[in-house]
Protein backbone atom coordinates (compact mmCIF):
# COMPACT_ATOMS: atom_id res chain seq x y z
CA MET A 1 -35.59 47.90 -15.87
CA LYS A 2 -32.52 46.80 -17.65
CA TRP A 3 -30.34 46.07 -14.96
CA LEU A 4 -33.35 43.93 -13.61
CA TRP A 5 -32.91 42.07 -17.23
CA LYS A 6 -29.30 41.85 -16.66
CA ILE A 7 -29.87 40.78 -13.88
CA THR A 8 -31.67 37.67 -14.92
CA ILE A 9 -29.28 36.76 -17.95
CA ILE A 10 -26.30 36.24 -15.95
CA ILE A 11 -28.61 34.43 -13.54
CA ALA A 12 -29.61 32.24 -15.72
CA SER A 13 -26.27 31.85 -17.49
CA ALA A 14 -24.68 30.56 -14.21
CA ILE A 15 -27.67 27.77 -13.53
CA LEU A 16 -26.89 26.54 -17.22
CA ILE A 17 -23.25 26.02 -16.71
CA LEU A 18 -24.06 24.74 -13.43
CA ILE A 19 -26.02 21.91 -14.57
CA ALA A 20 -23.41 21.42 -17.76
CA THR A 21 -20.33 20.72 -15.20
CA THR A 22 -22.71 18.62 -13.14
CA LYS A 23 -24.78 16.33 -14.98
CA THR A 24 -23.24 13.02 -16.52
CA ILE A 25 -22.41 12.85 -20.03
CA THR A 26 -24.70 11.33 -22.67
CA ASN A 27 -24.16 10.16 -26.33
CA ASN A 28 -25.81 13.21 -26.67
CA GLY A 29 -23.66 15.05 -24.68
CA ASN A 30 -21.75 18.49 -25.81
CA ARG A 31 -17.71 17.23 -26.57
CA ASP A 32 -16.44 20.33 -25.54
CA ALA A 33 -17.89 20.42 -22.04
CA VAL A 34 -16.49 19.19 -18.73
CA TYR A 35 -18.58 16.91 -17.07
CA THR A 36 -17.78 16.09 -13.66
CA HIS A 37 -19.65 12.89 -13.85
CA ILE A 38 -18.30 9.99 -16.84
CA ASP A 39 -20.16 6.95 -17.25
CA ALA A 40 -17.37 4.29 -18.45
CA THR A 41 -19.33 2.71 -20.94
CA ASN A 42 -20.57 5.79 -22.66
CA ASN A 43 -18.45 6.80 -26.53
CA GLU A 44 -18.30 10.14 -26.30
CA ILE A 45 -15.00 10.21 -24.58
CA ALA A 46 -14.22 6.21 -24.37
CA ASP A 47 -16.52 2.64 -24.58
CA MET A 48 -16.17 0.51 -22.25
CA ARG A 49 -18.60 -2.27 -22.81
CA PRO A 50 -18.74 -5.06 -19.51
CA ASN A 51 -19.36 -8.75 -20.15
CA ASP A 52 -18.83 -8.85 -24.02
CA ASN A 53 -14.89 -10.28 -23.99
CA SER A 54 -13.11 -7.30 -25.68
CA ASP A 55 -10.03 -5.47 -24.68
CA ASP A 56 -10.78 -2.75 -22.53
CA THR A 57 -7.30 -1.67 -22.01
CA ASP A 58 -7.36 1.83 -24.70
CA ALA A 59 -10.71 3.20 -23.36
CA PHE A 60 -10.04 2.79 -20.36
CA VAL A 61 -6.57 4.98 -21.09
CA LYS A 62 -8.61 7.18 -23.02
CA LEU A 63 -10.79 7.37 -19.84
CA MET A 64 -7.82 8.49 -17.48
CA ASN A 65 -5.96 11.03 -20.20
CA TYR A 66 -9.25 12.51 -20.08
CA ALA A 67 -9.08 13.32 -17.00
CA ARG A 68 -5.52 13.80 -16.92
CA MET A 69 -6.84 16.90 -19.27
CA HIS A 70 -9.54 18.31 -17.98
CA SER A 71 -9.66 17.56 -13.93
CA THR A 72 -8.75 20.58 -11.30
CA SER A 73 -10.00 21.56 -8.20
CA LYS A 74 -12.81 23.50 -8.89
CA LEU A 75 -14.01 20.89 -11.23
CA PRO A 76 -13.18 16.83 -10.28
CA ILE A 77 -14.50 14.37 -12.22
CA THR A 78 -16.22 10.54 -11.11
CA ILE A 79 -16.16 7.79 -13.59
CA LYS A 80 -18.44 5.78 -12.67
CA PHE A 81 -17.94 1.79 -13.95
CA PRO A 82 -20.53 -0.70 -14.21
CA GLN A 83 -21.04 -4.11 -12.76
CA GLY A 84 -19.80 -6.56 -14.63
CA ARG A 85 -17.08 -8.19 -15.96
CA PHE A 86 -13.73 -5.94 -17.84
CA LEU A 87 -10.43 -6.90 -19.70
CA ILE A 88 -7.42 -4.70 -18.81
CA GLY A 89 -3.98 -5.06 -20.07
CA ASN A 90 -0.76 -2.97 -21.01
CA HIS A 91 -0.71 -4.35 -24.32
CA GLN A 92 1.30 -0.98 -25.95
CA ASN A 93 4.64 -1.73 -25.08
CA TYR A 94 4.23 -2.16 -21.33
CA LEU A 95 3.14 1.37 -20.59
CA PRO A 96 1.81 2.09 -17.42
CA ILE A 97 -1.55 3.73 -17.28
CA TYR A 98 -1.10 7.40 -16.09
CA LEU A 99 -3.58 8.30 -12.75
CA PRO A 100 -5.46 11.50 -12.47
CA SER A 101 -5.55 14.41 -9.72
CA TYR A 102 -9.06 15.32 -9.03
CA THR A 103 -10.43 12.16 -9.92
CA THR A 104 -12.43 9.50 -8.34
CA ILE A 105 -13.04 6.10 -9.83
CA GLN A 106 -16.10 4.48 -8.53
CA MET A 107 -16.84 0.65 -8.89
CA GLU A 108 -19.40 -1.71 -7.87
CA SER A 109 -18.79 -4.54 -5.55
CA ASN A 110 -18.79 -7.45 -8.49
CA THR A 111 -17.52 -5.11 -11.30
CA ARG A 112 -14.14 -7.25 -11.92
CA ILE A 113 -10.96 -6.13 -14.22
CA ASP A 114 -9.74 -9.49 -15.28
CA LEU A 115 -5.82 -8.82 -15.94
CA THR A 116 -4.74 -9.83 -19.75
CA THR A 117 -0.86 -8.82 -18.78
CA ASN A 118 1.09 -7.69 -15.91
CA VAL A 119 -0.41 -4.17 -15.53
CA SER A 120 1.04 -1.10 -13.60
CA PHE A 121 -1.16 1.96 -12.54
CA LEU A 122 1.35 5.71 -12.33
CA GLY A 123 0.40 8.27 -9.96
CA VAL A 124 3.58 10.65 -10.71
CA SER A 125 3.69 14.18 -11.41
CA LYS A 126 2.99 15.71 -14.76
CA SER A 127 5.92 17.81 -14.29
CA SER A 128 8.29 18.52 -11.53
CA ASN A 129 6.40 21.33 -10.21
CA ASP A 130 3.19 20.86 -10.34
CA GLY A 131 3.18 19.34 -6.59
CA GLY A 132 2.18 15.83 -7.70
CA ILE A 133 -0.24 13.77 -7.86
CA ASN A 134 -3.04 13.92 -5.20
CA ASN A 135 -7.28 14.27 -4.51
CA PHE A 136 -7.43 11.04 -6.37
CA ALA A 137 -10.15 8.30 -5.21
CA TRP A 138 -10.73 4.18 -6.43
CA GLN A 139 -13.56 3.28 -4.64
CA GLY A 140 -14.84 -0.78 -5.02
CA GLY A 141 -13.86 -3.59 -8.05
CA GLN A 142 -12.16 -7.12 -7.87
CA PHE A 143 -9.03 -7.25 -10.18
CA VAL A 144 -8.47 -10.95 -10.58
CA GLY A 145 -5.01 -12.25 -11.94
CA ASP A 146 -2.97 -15.95 -11.58
CA GLY A 147 -0.06 -13.75 -9.92
CA SER A 148 2.59 -14.17 -12.46
CA ASN A 149 1.26 -13.23 -15.72
CA TYR A 150 -1.27 -11.14 -14.99
CA SER A 151 -1.23 -8.88 -12.49
CA ALA A 152 -1.96 -5.15 -11.04
CA ARG A 153 0.71 -2.81 -9.27
CA PHE A 154 -0.02 0.77 -8.09
CA THR A 155 2.97 2.97 -8.14
CA VAL A 156 2.92 6.49 -6.43
CA PHE A 157 5.39 8.25 -6.73
CA HIS A 158 5.58 12.35 -4.42
CA GLY A 159 1.68 11.57 -4.68
CA HIS A 160 -0.54 13.33 -1.57
CA ASP A 161 -4.74 13.48 -0.41
CA MET A 162 -5.52 9.64 -2.09
CA LYS A 163 -7.98 6.73 -1.34
CA PHE A 164 -8.19 3.56 -2.25
CA ALA A 165 -10.97 1.68 -0.66
CA ASN A 166 -13.26 -1.39 -1.21
CA MET A 167 -10.51 -2.82 -3.88
CA ARG A 168 -10.57 -6.98 -4.45
CA PHE A 169 -7.14 -8.27 -5.17
CA LYS A 170 -7.03 -11.94 -5.72
CA THR A 171 -4.03 -13.40 -6.90
CA ALA A 172 -3.39 -10.41 -8.51
CA ILE A 173 0.36 -9.47 -7.01
CA LEU A 174 3.43 -10.70 -8.80
CA TYR A 175 6.32 -12.37 -6.90
CA ASN A 176 8.26 -9.89 -6.02
CA ASN A 177 6.33 -7.17 -6.05
CA HIS A 178 3.52 -5.26 -4.45
CA ALA A 179 -0.25 -4.21 -4.72
CA PHE A 180 0.53 -0.28 -3.43
CA ASP A 181 4.19 1.15 -3.57
CA ILE A 182 3.92 4.49 -2.16
CA ASN A 183 7.23 6.68 -2.26
CA GLY A 184 7.54 10.12 -0.96
CA SER A 185 4.05 10.13 -0.38
CA GLU A 186 1.32 11.49 1.99
CA LYS A 187 -1.97 11.38 3.34
CA ILE A 188 -2.65 8.43 2.00
CA LEU A 189 -5.44 5.90 3.21
CA LEU A 190 -5.95 2.76 2.23
CA ASP A 191 -9.50 1.20 3.70
CA HIS A 192 -11.41 -2.19 3.30
CA ASN A 193 -9.66 -3.89 0.99
CA GLN A 194 -9.12 -7.50 0.65
CA PHE A 195 -5.11 -8.58 -0.81
CA LEU A 196 -5.25 -12.47 -1.19
CA GLY A 197 -2.82 -14.87 -2.39
CA TYR A 198 0.23 -14.04 -3.62
CA GLY A 199 2.69 -14.84 -6.73
CA ASN A 200 1.34 -17.72 -8.12
CA GLY A 201 2.10 -20.76 -6.39
CA SER A 202 2.94 -21.92 -2.44
CA ASN A 203 6.52 -23.23 -2.68
CA PHE A 204 8.35 -19.80 -2.57
CA ASP A 205 12.24 -19.76 -1.17
CA ARG A 206 11.55 -18.03 2.15
CA LYS A 207 15.31 -18.70 3.25
CA SER A 208 16.50 -15.64 1.69
CA GLU A 209 17.82 -13.18 2.83
CA SER A 210 16.69 -11.51 -0.44
CA HIS A 211 13.62 -9.41 0.17
CA ILE A 212 12.18 -10.81 -2.67
CA ALA A 213 11.17 -13.22 0.84
CA THR A 214 9.35 -11.03 2.36
CA SER A 215 7.77 -8.47 -0.63
CA GLU A 216 4.99 -6.73 0.85
CA ALA A 217 1.08 -6.24 -0.17
CA ILE A 218 1.89 -2.33 0.35
CA GLN A 219 5.00 -0.82 0.89
CA LEU A 220 6.05 2.59 1.95
CA ASP A 221 9.80 3.89 0.64
CA TYR A 222 11.74 6.76 0.40
CA GLY A 223 11.36 8.65 -2.96
CA ARG A 224 14.40 9.55 -3.74
CA LEU A 225 16.38 9.15 -7.21
CA ASN A 226 19.37 6.64 -6.21
CA SER A 227 18.24 5.54 -2.87
CA SER A 228 15.15 3.35 -1.86
CA PHE A 229 12.96 3.53 -5.17
CA GLY A 230 13.17 0.65 -6.77
CA GLN A 231 15.60 0.44 -10.24
CA HIS A 232 13.18 -0.83 -12.37
CA ASP A 233 10.42 1.71 -11.03
CA GLN A 234 13.57 4.14 -11.67
CA ALA A 235 14.40 3.33 -15.27
CA MET A 236 10.74 3.58 -16.43
CA MET A 237 10.31 7.23 -14.79
CA ILE A 238 13.42 8.09 -16.41
CA ARG A 239 11.74 7.53 -19.96
CA LEU A 240 8.61 8.05 -19.33
CA VAL A 241 8.04 10.50 -17.24
CA PRO A 242 9.06 14.23 -18.09
CA ASN A 243 11.82 16.21 -15.92
CA PHE A 244 12.12 13.23 -13.67
CA VAL A 245 15.26 13.31 -12.72
CA SER A 246 14.84 17.15 -11.13
CA LEU A 247 11.71 15.92 -9.52
CA ALA A 248 13.25 13.15 -7.66
CA GLN A 249 16.19 14.91 -6.18
CA GLN A 250 13.77 15.96 -3.40
CA LEU A 251 13.90 13.99 -0.40
CA ASN A 252 10.73 13.61 0.16
CA PHE A 253 9.62 10.79 2.96
CA PRO A 254 6.47 8.77 3.10
CA ALA A 255 3.92 10.27 5.58
CA ASP A 256 0.28 10.75 7.35
CA ILE A 257 -0.03 6.85 6.07
CA THR A 258 -3.44 4.71 7.16
CA ILE A 259 -4.03 0.97 6.81
CA SER A 260 -7.28 -0.11 7.93
CA ASN A 261 -10.21 -2.35 8.29
CA SER A 262 -8.19 -4.77 5.74
CA THR A 263 -7.92 -8.27 5.06
CA PHE A 264 -4.28 -9.85 4.06
CA GLY A 265 -4.11 -13.72 3.46
CA LYS A 266 -4.12 -16.74 0.87
CA ALA A 267 -6.39 -17.44 -2.02
CA ARG A 268 -7.91 -20.63 -3.67
CA LEU A 269 -6.39 -21.40 -6.57
CA ALA A 270 -7.82 -23.08 -9.33
CA ASN A 271 -5.80 -26.50 -9.51
CA GLY A 272 -7.15 -26.84 -6.00
CA ARG A 273 -3.86 -25.57 -3.79
CA TYR A 274 -3.71 -22.17 -2.22
CA THR A 275 -1.04 -19.63 -2.62
CA ILE A 276 0.02 -18.02 0.23
CA GLY A 277 -0.56 -14.40 1.92
CA GLN A 278 1.48 -11.52 1.15
CA ASN A 279 3.25 -9.68 3.99
CA PRO A 280 1.51 -6.79 4.77
CA LEU A 281 2.95 -3.86 5.29
CA GLY A 282 7.12 -2.42 4.97
CA ALA A 283 8.64 0.68 5.55
CA HIS A 284 12.13 0.79 4.22
CA ALA A 285 15.14 3.61 3.70
CA TYR A 286 18.54 3.04 2.30
CA THR A 287 19.98 6.18 1.87
CA SER A 288 22.22 6.97 5.10
CA ASN A 289 22.15 10.13 6.96
CA MET A 290 18.47 11.27 6.30
CA GLY A 291 17.63 12.70 9.54
CA ARG A 292 13.56 12.45 8.87
CA SER A 293 11.88 8.54 8.64
CA ALA A 294 8.51 7.68 7.52
CA THR A 295 6.66 9.58 10.14
CA ASN A 296 2.70 9.06 11.36
CA ILE A 297 2.14 4.94 9.75
CA SER A 298 -1.35 3.21 11.62
CA PHE A 299 -1.62 -0.08 10.45
CA ILE A 300 -5.07 -0.79 12.33
CA ASN A 301 -8.22 -3.00 13.00
CA ASN A 302 -6.46 -5.28 10.04
CA THR A 303 -7.03 -9.40 9.53
CA VAL A 304 -3.40 -10.96 8.59
CA SER A 305 -3.05 -14.76 7.83
CA ASP A 306 -0.58 -17.31 6.83
CA SER A 307 2.12 -14.71 5.40
CA ILE A 308 5.00 -15.35 4.07
CA ALA A 309 7.65 -14.10 6.54
CA GLN A 310 9.77 -16.13 8.15
CA ARG A 311 13.15 -15.99 10.41
CA ILE A 312 16.03 -14.93 8.20
CA TRP A 313 19.36 -14.95 10.07
CA VAL A 314 21.98 -13.05 8.96
CA LYS A 315 26.19 -11.36 10.29
CA VAL A 316 25.97 -8.38 10.35
CA ASN A 317 29.89 -7.52 12.25
CA GLY A 318 30.86 -10.95 12.80
CA GLN A 319 26.96 -11.54 14.60
CA THR A 320 24.52 -13.79 13.64
CA GLN A 321 20.48 -11.68 14.17
CA LEU A 322 17.51 -11.77 12.69
CA ASN A 323 17.24 -9.95 9.50
CA HIS A 324 15.65 -7.18 9.56
CA TYR A 325 13.14 -8.36 7.06
CA SER A 326 11.46 -10.75 9.69
CA GLY A 327 8.51 -8.81 10.72
CA VAL A 328 5.11 -9.79 9.14
CA LEU A 329 5.07 -6.16 9.78
CA HIS A 330 8.39 -4.97 9.32
CA PHE A 331 10.37 -0.88 9.28
CA LEU A 332 13.33 0.91 8.91
CA PRO A 333 13.07 2.85 10.60
CA VAL A 334 10.10 4.61 11.58
CA ASN A 335 8.77 7.33 14.02
CA HIS A 336 4.94 7.83 15.20
CA LEU A 337 3.75 4.50 14.63
CA ILE A 338 0.37 2.95 15.33
CA ILE A 339 0.00 -1.06 15.39
CA ALA A 340 -3.35 -1.29 17.10
CA ASN A 341 -6.50 -3.91 16.97
CA ASN A 342 -5.32 -6.04 14.55
CA VAL A 343 -5.79 -10.02 14.02
CA PHE A 344 -2.61 -11.90 13.13
CA ARG A 345 -2.79 -15.38 12.43
CA SER A 346 -0.43 -18.34 11.49
CA ASP A 347 0.39 -22.54 10.91
CA ALA A 348 3.93 -21.17 10.38
CA VAL A 349 6.39 -19.56 12.47
CA PRO A 350 7.38 -16.24 11.30
CA GLY A 351 10.07 -14.58 12.44
CA SER A 352 8.03 -12.05 14.34
CA TRP A 353 5.12 -10.58 13.96
CA ILE A 354 6.52 -7.07 14.11
CA SER A 355 10.32 -5.94 13.51
CA LEU A 356 11.55 -2.27 14.14
CA TYR A 357 15.31 -1.77 13.68
CA SER A 358 17.70 1.41 13.72
CA ARG A 359 20.91 1.86 12.97
CA GLN A 360 22.89 4.72 13.14
CA ALA A 361 23.08 5.63 10.08
CA PHE A 362 19.28 6.49 9.96
CA LYS A 363 16.89 8.41 11.59
CA ASN A 364 15.89 6.63 14.60
CA THR A 365 12.64 4.52 15.97
CA SER A 366 10.51 6.44 18.13
CA ASN A 367 6.95 6.83 18.87
CA VAL A 368 5.41 3.24 18.49
CA ALA A 369 2.93 2.15 19.95
CA ILE A 370 1.73 -2.13 19.41
CA MET A 371 -1.92 -2.29 21.46
CA GLY A 372 -4.88 -4.07 21.38
CA ASN A 373 -3.41 -6.91 18.91
CA ARG A 374 -4.54 -10.64 18.70
CA PHE A 375 -1.63 -13.04 18.12
CA GLU A 376 -2.61 -17.40 17.02
CA THR A 377 -0.20 -19.06 15.93
CA LYS A 378 0.53 -23.19 16.22
CA SER A 379 4.11 -22.35 17.59
CA LYS A 380 5.47 -20.69 21.24
CA ARG A 381 8.81 -19.53 19.02
CA ALA A 382 6.80 -16.12 17.20
CA PRO A 383 7.74 -12.99 19.61
CA VAL A 384 5.51 -10.46 18.93
CA LEU A 385 8.58 -7.29 17.83
CA ALA A 386 11.60 -8.34 17.58
CA MET A 387 13.75 -4.98 18.19
CA THR A 388 16.65 -4.78 15.80
CA ASP A 389 19.41 -2.33 17.29
CA THR A 390 22.30 -3.67 15.76
CA ASP A 391 24.74 0.64 16.41
CA ILE A 392 23.23 1.15 19.56
CA THR A 393 27.52 2.35 20.36
CA ALA A 394 27.64 4.29 18.04
CA GLY A 395 24.61 6.15 17.84
CA GLY A 396 21.75 4.32 16.67
CA SER A 397 18.82 3.90 19.12
CA MET A 398 14.91 3.54 19.69
CA SER A 399 12.82 5.14 22.47
CA ALA A 400 9.16 5.49 23.46
CA ILE A 401 8.55 1.94 22.27
CA ASN A 402 5.06 0.92 24.08
CA VAL A 403 3.79 -3.13 24.41
CA THR A 404 0.19 -3.01 25.81
CA ASN A 405 -3.19 -5.16 26.21
CA ASN A 406 -1.80 -7.42 23.76
CA ILE A 407 -3.02 -11.54 23.49
CA VAL A 408 -0.83 -14.06 22.17
CA SER A 409 -2.68 -17.45 21.62
CA TYR A 410 -1.00 -20.92 20.62
CA VAL A 411 -3.56 -22.47 19.26
CA ALA A 412 -2.40 -26.26 19.56
CA SER A 413 -1.91 -25.90 23.13
CA PRO A 414 -2.71 -22.47 24.94
CA ASP A 415 -0.17 -22.29 27.54
CA GLN A 416 -0.48 -21.35 30.72
CA ILE A 417 1.72 -19.09 31.61
CA THR A 418 1.19 -16.20 34.41
CA SER A 419 0.34 -12.71 33.03
CA ASN A 420 4.13 -11.22 34.20
CA GLN A 421 6.11 -14.17 32.59
CA ALA A 422 3.46 -13.14 29.78
CA GLN A 423 5.04 -9.54 29.85
CA MET A 424 8.69 -10.84 28.56
CA ALA A 425 7.81 -14.21 26.66
CA THR A 426 5.83 -11.91 24.12
CA LEU A 427 8.97 -9.90 22.81
CA LEU A 428 12.74 -10.61 21.57
CA ILE A 429 14.64 -8.16 21.74
CA TRP A 430 17.99 -8.41 19.32
CA GLN A 431 21.22 -6.20 19.50
CA ARG A 432 24.00 -7.16 18.53
CA GLY A 433 22.66 -11.07 18.40
CA LYS A 434 22.18 -10.97 21.76
CA GLN A 435 18.71 -10.90 23.82
CA ARG A 436 18.80 -7.58 25.15
CA GLY A 437 16.52 -4.78 27.32
CA LEU A 438 16.11 -1.51 25.71
CA PRO A 439 15.54 1.78 27.49
CA ASN A 440 12.44 3.51 27.15
CA LEU A 441 10.58 0.40 26.45
CA SER A 442 7.01 -0.11 27.92
CA VAL A 443 5.64 -3.56 28.23
CA GLN A 444 2.00 -4.29 30.43
CA ASN A 445 -0.74 -6.04 30.35
CA ASN A 446 0.01 -8.33 27.60
CA HIS A 447 -1.29 -12.33 28.08
CA HIS A 448 -0.64 -15.62 26.96
CA ARG A 449 -4.56 -18.08 26.02
C-alpha cells in the first residue's frame, strides 16, 4: 500500500503543477509561479487599465520584461489585452521596448494603442549565443499615430519563427522609416495586416535618389555590422545590447519571409487630406561579394494602392537608368521570390511595379515568379517589371525570371492591344540605360484590359 500512496502523491502533485502553470493570473495568485496566461490589466505583474487616459508605458514594459525573464519553450507565455484604448510611448530616454521570446501578445481587433512618442519595439538577442529572439507572435491591435512625432517601429535583428498578424497601423509610420525592419532574420510571417498612411502629409520629395523617397513599410536587410543595417539603429544597438558587436559579426541573411493577405494604402488625416501609402516591401544589400542573397521571399494575396515609388533616374558609368528603388516592390538581390495574386493600384506613375536589381558585387538574382497579379493605373507608362542589371559584362546576372498570367489595366482608357503585344508591353528591362532582353526570361499569358 505504501507504493500506491507514493504514486497517488506524485500524480496529485503533477496535477497541481499543471493547474498552476496554465491558469490565468489573478490578484490573489502566487507571485512566484510562472503562468502561461497573463491578463494585461492585472496588478500582480503590471496594471494596464484601458480608457483611463493614463500612460501605460511602464506597465507594458513590465509585462514584456516579465515574459523575457520567465517564458521558455516548455512554458511559453500569452499576454491578453482587453478591448479599449492604451497610451504607450518611450518616455525613459526613448529606450526601445524589448520583445520576449516564447511569448504571444493577444489583442482584440478594437484594442487601440495611441502612440505618445516615436516608439521602437526591439526584437534582439539577450546575448550573443542565445540563438536570437524566437517564437514570438503579436496578434491584433491598432497602432494610431500622426506619422511625425508619434509612430511605431518593430526592429527584428537575427530573429526566427515569428508571426505578426491582424495588426493595423494608421498614420503610425514615420517618414524615412518602416513599420517592420527585419534584419538577418528567418521564418517570419506577416499576415492580414493593414498599413495605412505614410508620414504626416502628402507632398513628399519623391525626386530624390535617396532611400528616403522610397522607404518601405516592411524592409528586409542583412544583419551585419557596418553593412545594410541602418547606422542609426546600429548605434542604438551597440549602446543597449550586450555583446551586440560580436553578434553582428555573423553574416545573417533574410530567409523564409512571407507577407500575405495584407493592405497597403493611404489614410485620411484629421484635416481631411490624405497621406500617401508607403511602398510595401524592399530587400537590400550593401556588402560586396557576399555570395548569398535574400532567399524564399513571398508576397501573396495583398492589396497595394497609392504607393510612393516613382521614376528616379540615376547615372551609372555615364549611362542613365532607373534607380533600383523605383519599384513599388524592389529587391537587391533575391533568390526564390514569389509575387502572386496581388492587386496593385495607383493614380500616379510608379517607376515600375516591381524592380529587380543585380550586379557583380552582389549575389545574382534568380528564380523569380510573378504570377496572377493585377496592375491598375491611369498611365500606360508604368512597367510591370524593371530589371536593372548594371554589370552583366562584369559577371552580374539574372536568371529564371517567370512573368505569367498577369493583367495590366489602364483605368482611364482600357488598351485594345493584342495578347502578343502585351507580352513585352508589360516589361521594361534595363542594362546600362538600354532596353534589352535577358536570357532565361519567360513572359507568358499576360494581358492588358
